[in-house]
Amino acid sequence: MEAPILSVVDMNKHFGGLVAVRDMSFNVQAGEALGLMGPNGAGKSTLLNLISGEYKPDSGTVKFKGRDITGLAPHKICHIGIARTYQIPQPFVNQTALQNIVVAAEYGRGLGKAAAESEAPKLLDMVDLLEKKNVFARDLASITLKRLELARALATSPTLLLLDEVAAGLTEEEIPRILETLQRIREMGITYILVEHVMRVMMKAVDRIIVMDKGVKIAEGSPNEVMEDRKVIEAYLGESV
């Protein structure tokens, strides 16, 4: 088996007396789609923040393509090929959707202005936002901002994409489109880690799932295996079954 594209080893993060992530270890292979599940407060977003450099771990290591990137600044991690989205989108609110993508391509990917302006409409079209390219981000609906957030991350040309609840708030009619987009991302050769509560998306969009509860990995396996795990059921229902 080839060396993993991402390796997290014995990761720990505390906030005062709160254990956010404890003894977390896992690998991700190139081309894999990994799901990250758990009840609210399980430590999922914290783990993404540790991988992307937003938080520095108390202990443990993160390796990307064999390189130790533990504690590296977020912009440097972006430049070597890891991008992420946020539960709450963080666009430049006083720029248009198109301008948001151009900035991401210029500064996250290193494209010249002309190349970034040529690339941006393609990414907006990929997430069904081309018709809103000239709308200011401050005027976009929250669901639409989720799509803009995804396009901004893709504009940096990542090898590994960290997706934090991209399907949150979608209607049943909108879910097939996000599944199509995730499939296209895989076809582009991008590996991703998906944090998601929408089970219909999680079951169809990942190869393997890690389940966290109170900062600890409690289960790992295929989507079907994980959904039948007693520890997972107890974590979500809050009671023994």
Protein backbone atom coordinates (compact mmCIF):
# COMPACT_ATOMS: atom_id res chain seq x y z
CA MET A 1 0.00 0.00 0.00
CA GLU A 2 1.21 3.50 -0.81
CA ALA A 3 2.14 5.89 1.96
CA PRO A 4 -0.89 7.88 3.17
CA ILE A 5 -1.41 11.41 1.93
CA LEU A 6 -2.31 12.44 5.50
CA SER A 7 -1.23 10.90 8.77
CA VAL A 8 -2.44 12.09 12.19
CA VAL A 9 -0.63 10.49 15.12
CA ASP A 10 -1.52 10.72 18.83
CA MET A 11 -3.14 14.14 18.47
CA ASN A 12 -4.23 15.90 21.66
CA LYS A 13 -5.83 19.30 22.23
CA HIS A 14 -7.20 20.78 25.44
CA PHE A 15 -8.94 24.08 26.11
CA GLY A 16 -8.42 24.62 29.81
CA GLY A 17 -10.00 21.60 31.47
CA LEU A 18 -11.94 20.61 28.34
CA VAL A 19 -10.53 17.74 26.30
CA ALA A 20 -11.35 18.58 22.68
CA VAL A 21 -9.26 15.87 20.97
CA ARG A 22 -7.64 12.95 22.75
CA ASP A 23 -5.11 10.44 21.38
CA MET A 24 -6.43 10.74 17.83
CA SER A 25 -4.62 8.72 15.17
CA PHE A 26 -5.65 7.89 11.60
CA ASN A 27 -4.39 7.82 8.02
CA VAL A 28 -6.00 9.00 4.78
CA GLN A 29 -4.98 7.49 1.44
CA ALA A 30 -4.72 9.58 -1.71
CA GLY A 31 -8.06 9.62 -3.51
CA GLU A 32 -10.01 8.51 -0.45
CA ALA A 33 -13.13 10.21 0.87
CA LEU A 34 -13.14 10.02 4.66
CA GLY A 35 -16.17 10.91 6.75
CA LEU A 36 -15.90 12.39 10.23
CA MET A 37 -19.00 12.02 12.38
CA GLY A 38 -20.03 12.62 15.95
CA PRO A 39 -22.55 14.50 18.07
CA ASN A 40 -22.18 18.24 18.60
CA GLY A 41 -19.09 18.99 20.66
CA ALA A 42 -17.38 15.74 19.69
CA GLY A 43 -14.23 17.54 18.49
CA LYS A 44 -14.67 17.23 14.72
CA SER A 45 -14.13 20.87 13.79
CA THR A 46 -11.28 21.11 16.29
CA LEU A 47 -9.59 18.23 14.52
CA LEU A 48 -9.94 20.02 11.17
CA ASN A 49 -8.48 23.13 12.77
CA LEU A 50 -5.49 21.13 13.98
CA ILE A 51 -4.88 19.70 10.52
CA SER A 52 -5.26 23.08 8.79
CA GLY A 53 -3.00 24.90 11.24
CA GLU A 54 -5.63 27.10 12.89
CA TYR A 55 -4.88 25.41 16.21
CA LYS A 56 -1.58 24.06 17.44
CA PRO A 57 -1.82 20.68 19.16
CA ASP A 58 -0.73 20.09 22.75
CA SER A 59 0.93 16.94 21.47
CA GLY A 60 0.93 14.70 18.42
CA THR A 61 1.89 15.13 14.79
CA VAL A 62 0.31 15.81 11.41
CA LYS A 63 2.11 14.64 8.28
CA PHE A 64 1.06 15.56 4.75
CA LYS A 65 2.69 13.64 1.91
CA GLY A 66 5.32 12.49 4.39
CA ARG A 67 6.15 16.02 5.57
CA ASP A 68 5.65 17.02 9.20
CA ILE A 69 3.36 20.05 9.08
CA THR A 70 2.46 20.12 12.78
CA GLY A 71 1.91 23.69 13.90
CA LEU A 72 2.67 25.19 10.49
CA ALA A 73 0.87 28.48 9.79
CA PRO A 74 -2.49 28.12 7.99
CA HIS A 75 -1.41 30.05 4.89
CA LYS A 76 1.64 27.83 4.50
CA ILE A 77 -0.50 24.71 4.85
CA CYS A 78 -2.83 26.11 2.18
CA HIS A 79 0.10 26.71 -0.16
CA ILE A 80 1.27 23.10 0.10
CA GLY A 81 -2.15 21.74 -0.84
CA ILE A 82 -4.62 21.59 2.06
CA ALA A 83 -7.74 23.77 1.91
CA ARG A 84 -10.83 23.86 4.09
CA THR A 85 -14.35 25.20 4.37
CA TYR A 86 -16.04 26.42 7.53
CA GLN A 87 -19.40 25.67 9.15
CA ILE A 88 -19.99 29.42 9.11
CA PRO A 89 -18.73 30.74 5.76
CA GLN A 90 -16.08 33.45 5.94
CA PRO A 91 -16.17 35.32 2.62
CA PHE A 92 -15.00 38.83 1.90
CA VAL A 93 -18.43 40.35 2.36
CA ASN A 94 -17.72 43.55 0.44
CA GLN A 95 -16.55 41.69 -2.66
CA THR A 96 -18.62 39.93 -5.29
CA ALA A 97 -18.78 36.16 -5.57
CA LEU A 98 -16.42 36.35 -8.54
CA GLN A 99 -13.95 38.57 -6.71
CA ASN A 100 -13.92 36.16 -3.76
CA ILE A 101 -12.81 33.35 -6.06
CA VAL A 102 -10.21 35.50 -7.80
CA VAL A 103 -8.61 36.43 -4.46
CA ALA A 104 -8.49 32.78 -3.39
CA ALA A 105 -6.89 31.76 -6.68
CA GLU A 106 -4.35 34.59 -6.56
CA TYR A 107 -3.23 34.28 -2.95
CA GLY A 108 -4.02 30.65 -2.18
CA ARG A 109 -2.86 29.18 -5.47
CA GLY A 110 -0.43 31.81 -6.69
CA LEU A 111 -2.13 32.49 -10.03
CA GLY A 112 -1.66 35.79 -11.80
CA LYS A 113 -4.68 38.08 -11.94
CA ALA A 114 -5.58 37.24 -15.54
CA ALA A 115 -5.38 33.48 -14.93
CA ALA A 116 -7.37 33.80 -11.69
CA GLU A 117 -10.09 35.79 -13.49
CA SER A 118 -10.23 33.11 -16.19
CA GLU A 119 -10.50 30.28 -13.64
CA ALA A 120 -13.07 31.86 -11.31
CA PRO A 121 -16.19 31.54 -13.53
CA LYS A 122 -15.51 27.83 -14.03
CA LEU A 123 -15.48 27.24 -10.27
CA LEU A 124 -18.61 29.30 -9.74
CA ASP A 125 -20.34 27.28 -12.45
CA MET A 126 -19.25 24.06 -10.74
CA VAL A 127 -21.13 25.06 -7.58
CA ASP A 128 -24.13 26.57 -9.45
CA LEU A 129 -23.25 30.17 -8.63
CA LEU A 130 -22.27 31.57 -12.02
CA GLU A 131 -25.48 33.58 -12.31
CA LYS A 132 -24.60 35.31 -9.01
CA LYS A 133 -21.00 36.14 -9.94
CA ASN A 134 -21.57 39.90 -9.61
CA VAL A 135 -23.57 39.75 -6.37
CA PHE A 136 -21.77 40.95 -3.24
CA ALA A 137 -21.17 38.21 -0.69
CA ARG A 138 -23.01 40.24 1.94
CA ASP A 139 -26.17 39.92 -0.16
CA LEU A 140 -26.03 36.15 -0.63
CA ALA A 141 -28.23 33.78 1.37
CA SER A 142 -26.51 31.59 3.95
CA ILE A 143 -27.02 28.42 1.88
CA THR A 144 -25.54 30.15 -1.15
CA LEU A 145 -22.55 31.25 0.92
CA LYS A 146 -21.86 27.57 1.63
CA ARG A 147 -21.39 27.02 -2.09
CA LEU A 148 -19.22 30.11 -2.39
CA GLU A 149 -17.11 28.80 0.49
CA LEU A 150 -16.58 25.53 -1.36
CA ALA A 151 -15.61 27.32 -4.58
CA ARG A 152 -13.14 29.50 -2.68
CA ALA A 153 -11.46 26.42 -1.23
CA LEU A 154 -11.29 24.76 -4.66
CA ALA A 155 -9.74 27.92 -6.11
CA THR A 156 -6.58 27.24 -4.10
CA SER A 157 -6.13 23.97 -6.07
CA PRO A 158 -5.94 21.66 -3.05
CA THR A 159 -4.76 18.07 -2.98
CA LEU A 160 -6.61 17.54 0.31
CA LEU A 161 -9.90 19.28 1.06
CA LEU A 162 -11.38 19.58 4.56
CA LEU A 163 -15.15 20.04 4.31
CA ASP A 164 -17.06 21.18 7.38
CA GLU A 165 -20.81 20.58 6.99
CA VAL A 166 -21.20 21.62 3.35
CA ALA A 167 -24.70 20.09 3.24
CA ALA A 168 -26.03 21.75 6.39
CA GLY A 169 -29.34 23.49 5.73
CA LEU A 170 -29.94 21.93 2.33
CA THR A 171 -33.41 20.73 1.39
CA GLU A 172 -34.02 17.17 0.21
CA GLU A 173 -34.24 18.49 -3.35
CA GLU A 174 -30.83 20.17 -3.07
CA ILE A 175 -28.93 17.18 -1.69
CA PRO A 176 -28.44 15.38 -5.05
CA ARG A 177 -26.62 18.44 -6.39
CA ILE A 178 -24.10 18.53 -3.53
CA LEU A 179 -23.56 14.79 -4.01
CA GLU A 180 -22.83 15.45 -7.70
CA THR A 181 -20.40 18.20 -6.73
CA LEU A 182 -18.59 15.93 -4.27
CA GLN A 183 -18.32 13.28 -6.97
CA ARG A 184 -16.83 15.82 -9.36
CA ILE A 185 -14.30 16.79 -6.69
CA ARG A 186 -13.25 13.15 -6.43
CA GLU A 187 -12.98 12.92 -10.21
CA MET A 188 -10.60 15.90 -10.07
CA GLY A 189 -8.28 13.72 -7.99
CA ILE A 190 -8.89 15.62 -4.75
CA THR A 191 -8.86 13.69 -1.49
CA TYR A 192 -11.31 14.96 1.12
CA ILE A 193 -12.35 14.67 4.75
CA LEU A 194 -16.05 15.41 5.21
CA VAL A 195 -17.63 16.47 8.49
CA GLU A 196 -21.37 16.09 8.09
CA HIS A 197 -24.59 15.48 10.03
CA VAL A 198 -26.75 14.88 6.95
CA MET A 199 -26.69 11.09 6.87
CA ARG A 200 -27.92 10.82 3.29
CA VAL A 201 -24.82 12.71 2.18
CA MET A 202 -22.44 10.89 4.51
CA MET A 203 -23.62 7.44 3.45
CA LYS A 204 -23.13 8.17 -0.26
CA ALA A 205 -20.13 10.50 -0.33
CA VAL A 206 -17.45 8.69 1.69
CA ASP A 207 -15.59 5.38 1.66
CA ARG A 208 -14.88 5.19 5.37
CA ILE A 209 -16.14 6.93 8.50
CA ILE A 210 -14.44 7.81 11.77
CA VAL A 211 -16.83 8.57 14.62
CA MET A 212 -15.78 10.82 17.50
CA ASP A 213 -17.39 11.41 20.86
CA LYS A 214 -16.00 13.72 23.54
CA GLY A 215 -12.77 14.08 21.60
CA VAL A 216 -12.12 10.35 21.25
CA LYS A 217 -12.43 8.02 18.27
CA ILE A 218 -15.11 5.48 19.18
CA ALA A 219 -15.63 3.73 15.83
CA GLU A 220 -14.14 3.40 12.37
CA GLY A 221 -15.26 1.48 9.31
CA SER A 222 -17.46 1.53 6.24
CA PRO A 223 -20.62 3.66 6.42
CA ASN A 224 -22.79 0.58 6.96
CA GLU A 225 -20.50 -0.84 9.64
CA VAL A 226 -20.40 2.41 11.55
CA MET A 227 -24.18 2.90 11.47
CA GLU A 228 -24.65 -0.49 13.11
CA ASP A 229 -22.02 0.06 15.83
CA ARG A 230 -23.49 0.09 19.35
CA LYS A 231 -21.09 2.80 20.57
CA VAL A 232 -22.16 5.07 17.72
CA ILE A 233 -25.85 4.52 18.43
CA GLU A 234 -25.30 5.23 22.14
CA ALA A 235 -23.32 8.41 21.37
CA TYR A 236 -26.13 9.80 19.25
CA LEU A 237 -29.04 8.63 21.38
CA GLY A 238 -27.30 9.39 24.66
CA GLU A 239 -28.26 6.07 26.21
CA SER A 240 -27.32 2.40 26.20
CA VAL A 241 -29.11 0.23 23.65
